[in-house]
Amino acid sequence: QVGINDVVFARIETNKKCYRTAKVKLIVGAIQLDPEFHLNYEVCDDKLVDNDDTNGVASFDFSTATSKIKAQLPKGQNLTVTYYETEADALAEHNAISDISNHRNVNFPKKQNIFVRVDSDDLNACLGLGHHMTLKVKPLPKKQTIPNYILCSDTEYASFDLNTITPTIQGSQTEDLHITYHLSEQDAINNVLISNPGAYDNISNPQTIFVRVHYDPNKNETLDSEECIRTDISFNLQVNLNPKVYSETIDKCATNFDVEFDLTEKEKQITGNDNTILLRYFASKIDI
């Protein structure tokens, strides 16, 4: 035999020297993949369908697998490659994965084994089958809720140390995170940084700050998820104005220095009738 398909010729001859010739086709269905051959597809968790990017379910496009599988087998064959979630389904040709360009691992969160079936279209009885593909969903960092970052000032502007928010974003996550701060979500996506997050002056009041966060690959060797970036975390900077108060003097005539004063009698003058201001009284600045 020469090649995967071949032709030989037969001569059939009688004792009278009469003969015929016939062509015999030799067809071999070579459809067994090397047991060591394996394809891995990895994507980040998403919320495209279920609005949940923490459940280990995402969309996979493994449409490139078919050409890679066929490339492992001898050329010149007519083959059909199909994919299944279980070995039993693959054997029975039942419930083949219908859309290999948009498959969601709903039944097997985080990690799914895919069973590959290769059928010879030339020889109906020939098939190859095995677990030759794995789908893996890589996690995103947890989305933390961040309260408003509030400072007080005589104006609507102040200097914020954004790095003080980092522990809140880290939360209870034990993995090391790479955290940066941005002026918009698009800036977070494009990784356009706030240049001085340790002393950032707000440009509006309030102002929304956006966070870009992913697992640090240099510190999480077993969690290679640098590309799994979360950019939907944000918080507000808010500057509350210091109260405006007025200086007042309380005078009292007395024959000695032991005089009682009602410190509240000029509160309206001190606050300018601003009922939102709460006054407390101290004997010295040190006590304050």
Protein backbone atom coordinates (compact mmCIF):
# COMPACT_ATOMS: atom_id res chain seq x y z
CA GLN A 1 0.00 0.00 0.00
CA VAL A 2 1.14 3.53 -0.80
CA GLY A 3 -0.50 6.40 1.11
CA ILE A 4 -3.75 6.48 3.03
CA ASN A 5 -5.81 5.49 -0.06
CA ASP A 6 -4.46 3.31 -2.84
CA VAL A 7 -5.49 1.29 -5.86
CA VAL A 8 -4.31 -2.18 -6.95
CA PHE A 9 -5.23 -4.13 -10.05
CA ALA A 10 -6.27 -7.79 -10.17
CA ARG A 11 -6.01 -10.19 -13.13
CA ILE A 12 -8.48 -13.05 -13.24
CA GLU A 13 -7.48 -15.74 -15.79
CA THR A 14 -9.05 -19.07 -16.80
CA ASN A 15 -7.17 -22.20 -17.83
CA LYS A 16 -8.08 -21.25 -21.40
CA LYS A 17 -5.96 -18.14 -21.12
CA CYS A 18 -8.99 -15.91 -21.03
CA TYR A 19 -8.78 -13.13 -18.46
CA ARG A 20 -10.27 -9.99 -17.06
CA THR A 21 -8.71 -7.18 -15.02
CA ALA A 22 -10.27 -5.38 -12.12
CA LYS A 23 -9.38 -2.31 -10.07
CA VAL A 24 -9.43 -2.69 -6.32
CA LYS A 25 -9.55 0.42 -4.09
CA LEU A 26 -7.75 0.23 -0.76
CA ILE A 27 -9.07 2.71 1.79
CA VAL A 28 -7.74 3.12 5.30
CA GLY A 29 -9.58 5.20 7.87
CA ALA A 30 -6.83 6.68 10.06
CA ILE A 31 -8.84 8.58 12.65
CA GLN A 32 -7.20 7.82 16.01
CA LEU A 33 -5.57 10.87 17.55
CA ASP A 34 -2.37 10.60 19.54
CA PRO A 35 -3.40 10.14 23.21
CA GLU A 36 -0.98 12.95 24.11
CA PHE A 37 -2.64 15.42 21.73
CA HIS A 38 -4.62 17.99 23.72
CA LEU A 39 -6.07 21.44 23.12
CA ASN A 40 -6.63 23.99 25.88
CA TYR A 41 -8.87 27.05 25.58
CA GLU A 42 -8.94 29.64 28.36
CA VAL A 43 -11.15 32.71 28.72
CA CYS A 44 -11.98 35.14 31.51
CA ASP A 45 -15.26 34.90 33.39
CA ASP A 46 -17.94 37.08 31.80
CA LYS A 47 -21.50 38.27 32.34
CA LEU A 48 -22.59 38.46 28.70
CA VAL A 49 -25.61 36.18 29.11
CA ASP A 50 -26.22 35.62 32.82
CA ASN A 51 -25.03 39.00 34.18
CA ASP A 52 -22.75 37.10 36.56
CA ASP A 53 -18.98 37.24 36.18
CA THR A 54 -18.26 35.21 39.32
CA ASN A 55 -19.86 31.83 38.50
CA GLY A 56 -17.14 30.33 36.31
CA VAL A 57 -19.34 30.31 33.19
CA ALA A 58 -18.19 32.09 30.02
CA SER A 59 -18.35 31.94 26.23
CA PHE A 60 -15.78 29.92 24.29
CA ASP A 61 -14.89 30.04 20.61
CA PHE A 62 -12.98 26.85 19.77
CA SER A 63 -13.82 26.85 16.07
CA THR A 64 -10.08 26.68 15.31
CA ALA A 65 -9.93 23.21 16.88
CA THR A 66 -11.24 21.31 13.86
CA SER A 67 -8.38 22.29 11.55
CA LYS A 68 -5.86 21.58 14.32
CA ILE A 69 -7.32 18.12 14.87
CA LYS A 70 -7.41 17.26 11.18
CA ALA A 71 -3.80 18.39 10.88
CA GLN A 72 -2.84 15.59 13.29
CA LEU A 73 -4.21 12.91 10.94
CA PRO A 74 -3.00 11.67 7.53
CA LYS A 75 -4.10 13.83 4.63
CA GLY A 76 -6.42 12.70 1.86
CA GLN A 77 -9.26 11.62 4.14
CA ASN A 78 -12.80 12.92 4.35
CA LEU A 79 -13.41 13.46 8.05
CA THR A 80 -16.15 14.85 10.26
CA VAL A 81 -15.16 16.22 13.67
CA THR A 82 -17.78 16.74 16.37
CA TYR A 83 -17.60 17.75 20.02
CA TYR A 84 -19.46 16.52 23.10
CA GLU A 85 -19.75 17.30 26.80
CA THR A 86 -19.58 13.66 27.90
CA GLU A 87 -17.96 10.50 26.59
CA ALA A 88 -21.33 8.70 26.63
CA ASP A 89 -22.85 11.35 24.36
CA ALA A 90 -19.85 11.11 22.02
CA LEU A 91 -20.23 7.33 21.73
CA ALA A 92 -23.95 7.63 21.08
CA GLU A 93 -23.60 10.66 18.78
CA HIS A 94 -26.10 12.40 21.03
CA ASN A 95 -26.22 16.10 21.98
CA ALA A 96 -23.25 17.28 19.94
CA ILE A 97 -22.18 20.84 20.79
CA SER A 98 -24.02 22.84 18.17
CA ASP A 99 -22.11 26.14 18.14
CA ILE A 100 -18.39 25.73 18.69
CA SER A 101 -17.84 29.45 18.08
CA ASN A 102 -20.05 30.44 21.04
CA HIS A 103 -20.24 27.63 23.57
CA ARG A 104 -20.98 28.35 27.22
CA ASN A 105 -19.84 25.85 29.82
CA VAL A 106 -23.11 26.08 31.77
CA ASN A 107 -23.11 22.44 32.89
CA PHE A 108 -19.44 22.45 33.95
CA PRO A 109 -18.46 25.77 35.60
CA LYS A 110 -14.80 26.82 35.81
CA LYS A 111 -13.45 23.79 33.91
CA GLN A 112 -15.00 21.54 31.27
CA ASN A 113 -13.63 18.47 29.52
CA ILE A 114 -14.61 18.23 25.85
CA PHE A 115 -14.74 14.87 24.08
CA VAL A 116 -13.73 14.88 20.43
CA ARG A 117 -15.21 12.42 17.95
CA VAL A 118 -13.62 11.96 14.52
CA ASP A 119 -15.65 10.00 11.94
CA SER A 120 -14.40 8.80 8.58
CA ASP A 121 -16.76 9.78 5.79
CA ASP A 122 -15.00 7.23 3.59
CA LEU A 123 -15.43 4.26 5.94
CA ASN A 124 -18.58 4.52 8.02
CA ALA A 125 -17.38 2.08 10.69
CA CYS A 126 -14.21 4.02 11.54
CA LEU A 127 -14.24 6.51 14.37
CA GLY A 128 -11.83 8.01 16.85
CA LEU A 129 -12.87 9.37 20.22
CA GLY A 130 -11.23 10.83 23.28
CA HIS A 131 -10.86 13.68 25.77
CA HIS A 132 -8.66 15.90 23.66
CA MET A 133 -9.82 19.35 24.76
CA THR A 134 -10.25 21.30 28.02
CA LEU A 135 -12.06 24.58 28.54
CA LYS A 136 -11.01 26.72 31.51
CA VAL A 137 -12.63 29.87 32.89
CA LYS A 138 -10.19 32.18 34.63
CA PRO A 139 -11.54 34.29 37.50
CA LEU A 140 -11.85 38.04 37.73
CA PRO A 141 -10.98 39.86 40.95
CA LYS A 142 -13.99 40.39 43.18
CA LYS A 143 -15.98 43.56 42.68
CA GLN A 144 -15.91 45.52 45.92
CA THR A 145 -18.34 48.27 46.91
CA ILE A 146 -16.40 51.41 47.75
CA PRO A 147 -17.99 54.21 49.83
CA ASN A 148 -17.53 57.85 48.90
CA TYR A 149 -14.11 59.25 49.73
CA ILE A 150 -14.97 62.44 51.64
CA LEU A 151 -12.70 65.31 52.65
CA CYS A 152 -13.46 68.73 54.12
CA SER A 153 -12.13 71.97 52.70
CA ASP A 154 -12.79 75.69 52.56
CA THR A 155 -13.29 75.27 48.79
CA GLU A 156 -14.76 72.52 46.62
CA TYR A 157 -11.30 71.14 45.93
CA ALA A 158 -8.90 69.05 48.01
CA SER A 159 -5.95 66.68 47.65
CA PHE A 160 -6.94 63.00 47.84
CA ASP A 161 -4.65 60.07 48.49
CA LEU A 162 -6.29 57.46 46.26
CA ASN A 163 -3.92 54.79 47.51
CA THR A 164 -5.85 54.71 50.78
CA ILE A 165 -8.68 53.02 48.82
CA THR A 166 -6.44 50.11 47.80
CA PRO A 167 -7.07 48.00 50.97
CA THR A 168 -10.83 48.28 50.39
CA ILE A 169 -10.44 47.00 46.82
CA GLN A 170 -8.19 44.18 48.01
CA GLY A 171 -10.75 43.27 50.69
CA SER A 172 -10.50 39.67 51.87
CA GLN A 173 -8.92 38.43 48.65
CA THR A 174 -5.73 36.55 49.43
CA GLU A 175 -4.28 36.90 45.94
CA ASP A 176 -2.10 39.91 45.20
CA LEU A 177 -3.85 42.44 43.00
CA HIS A 178 -2.50 45.10 40.66
CA ILE A 179 -4.66 48.20 41.23
CA THR A 180 -4.59 51.50 39.36
CA TYR A 181 -6.84 54.60 39.24
CA HIS A 182 -8.33 56.36 36.21
CA LEU A 183 -10.51 59.33 35.22
CA SER A 184 -13.00 57.27 33.17
CA GLU A 185 -13.88 53.65 32.55
CA GLN A 186 -12.47 53.95 29.04
CA ASP A 187 -9.21 55.20 30.54
CA ALA A 188 -9.28 52.15 32.82
CA ILE A 189 -9.78 49.88 29.80
CA ASN A 190 -6.96 51.63 27.91
CA ASN A 191 -4.78 51.79 31.05
CA VAL A 192 -4.45 55.60 30.97
CA LEU A 193 -3.32 56.28 34.51
CA ILE A 194 -3.86 59.08 36.99
CA SER A 195 -0.23 60.11 37.26
CA ASN A 196 -0.10 60.99 40.95
CA PRO A 197 -2.71 58.96 42.83
CA GLY A 198 -1.09 59.71 46.18
CA ALA A 199 -1.91 63.43 45.91
CA TYR A 200 -4.72 63.82 43.42
CA ASP A 201 -6.60 67.14 43.23
CA ASN A 202 -10.22 66.66 42.23
CA ILE A 203 -11.43 68.54 39.15
CA SER A 204 -15.14 68.46 40.00
CA ASN A 205 -17.25 67.95 43.10
CA PRO A 206 -18.28 65.21 43.31
CA GLN A 207 -15.98 63.35 40.93
CA THR A 208 -16.08 59.67 39.96
CA ILE A 209 -12.81 57.73 39.93
CA PHE A 210 -12.53 54.41 38.08
CA VAL A 211 -10.40 51.44 39.06
CA ARG A 212 -8.52 48.91 36.93
CA VAL A 213 -7.67 45.71 38.78
CA HIS A 214 -6.26 42.30 37.85
CA TYR A 215 -4.28 39.56 39.52
CA ASP A 216 -0.57 40.35 39.67
CA PRO A 217 1.17 37.61 37.62
CA ASN A 218 4.49 38.31 39.31
CA LYS A 219 3.07 37.37 42.70
CA ASN A 220 0.47 34.74 41.71
CA GLU A 221 2.42 32.14 39.77
CA THR A 222 -0.43 29.63 39.85
CA LEU A 223 -3.05 32.18 38.79
CA ASP A 224 -2.09 33.44 35.36
CA SER A 225 -4.92 35.90 34.90
CA GLU A 226 -3.23 39.20 34.07
CA GLU A 227 -5.51 39.67 31.08
CA CYS A 228 -8.65 39.11 33.19
CA ILE A 229 -9.10 42.77 33.99
CA ARG A 230 -11.97 44.28 35.95
CA THR A 231 -12.77 47.90 35.07
CA ASP A 232 -16.30 48.26 36.46
CA ILE A 233 -15.30 49.42 39.96
CA SER A 234 -15.73 53.11 40.75
CA PHE A 235 -16.16 55.47 43.66
CA ASN A 236 -16.82 59.17 44.23
CA LEU A 237 -14.57 61.86 45.58
CA GLN A 238 -16.58 64.35 47.58
CA VAL A 239 -15.50 67.61 49.20
CA ASN A 240 -17.67 68.94 52.01
CA LEU A 241 -17.26 72.63 52.72
CA ASN A 242 -16.04 73.63 56.14
CA PRO A 243 -18.71 75.56 58.06
CA LYS A 244 -18.52 79.34 57.90
CA VAL A 245 -18.60 80.83 61.36
CA TYR A 246 -18.34 84.38 62.70
CA SER A 247 -16.37 85.63 65.66
CA GLU A 248 -18.45 86.97 68.53
CA THR A 249 -17.68 88.41 71.95
CA ILE A 250 -19.79 87.84 75.04
CA ASP A 251 -19.46 90.71 77.48
CA LYS A 252 -20.58 90.74 81.08
CA CYS A 253 -20.08 93.23 83.90
CA ALA A 254 -19.11 91.86 87.30
CA THR A 255 -17.43 92.85 90.56
CA ASN A 256 -15.16 89.82 90.53
CA PHE A 257 -13.81 87.27 88.04
CA ASP A 258 -16.15 84.47 89.08
CA VAL A 259 -18.82 85.03 86.41
CA GLU A 260 -21.14 82.58 84.72
CA PHE A 261 -21.49 82.86 80.92
CA ASP A 262 -24.18 81.34 78.73
CA LEU A 263 -22.03 80.30 75.77
CA THR A 264 -25.10 79.52 73.66
CA GLU A 265 -26.60 82.97 73.71
CA LYS A 266 -24.86 84.08 70.52
CA GLU A 267 -25.02 80.85 68.55
CA LYS A 268 -27.19 82.38 65.84
CA GLN A 269 -24.69 85.16 65.31
CA ILE A 270 -21.76 82.68 65.27
CA THR A 271 -23.43 80.35 62.75
CA GLY A 272 -25.09 83.06 60.70
CA ASN A 273 -28.43 81.30 61.37
CA ASP A 274 -27.17 78.15 59.66
CA ASN A 275 -29.06 75.40 61.49
CA THR A 276 -26.85 72.69 59.92
CA ILE A 277 -23.86 73.80 61.99
CA LEU A 278 -23.39 72.05 65.32
CA LEU A 279 -21.43 74.04 67.89
CA ARG A 280 -19.43 72.51 70.72
CA TYR A 281 -17.35 74.44 73.23
CA PHE A 282 -13.84 73.77 74.60
CA ALA A 283 -11.62 75.57 77.06
CA SER A 284 -8.58 75.44 74.74
CA LYS A 285 -7.47 74.40 71.26
CA ILE A 286 -5.65 71.49 72.81
CA ASP A 287 -8.94 70.12 74.12
CA ILE A 288 -10.40 70.28 70.62
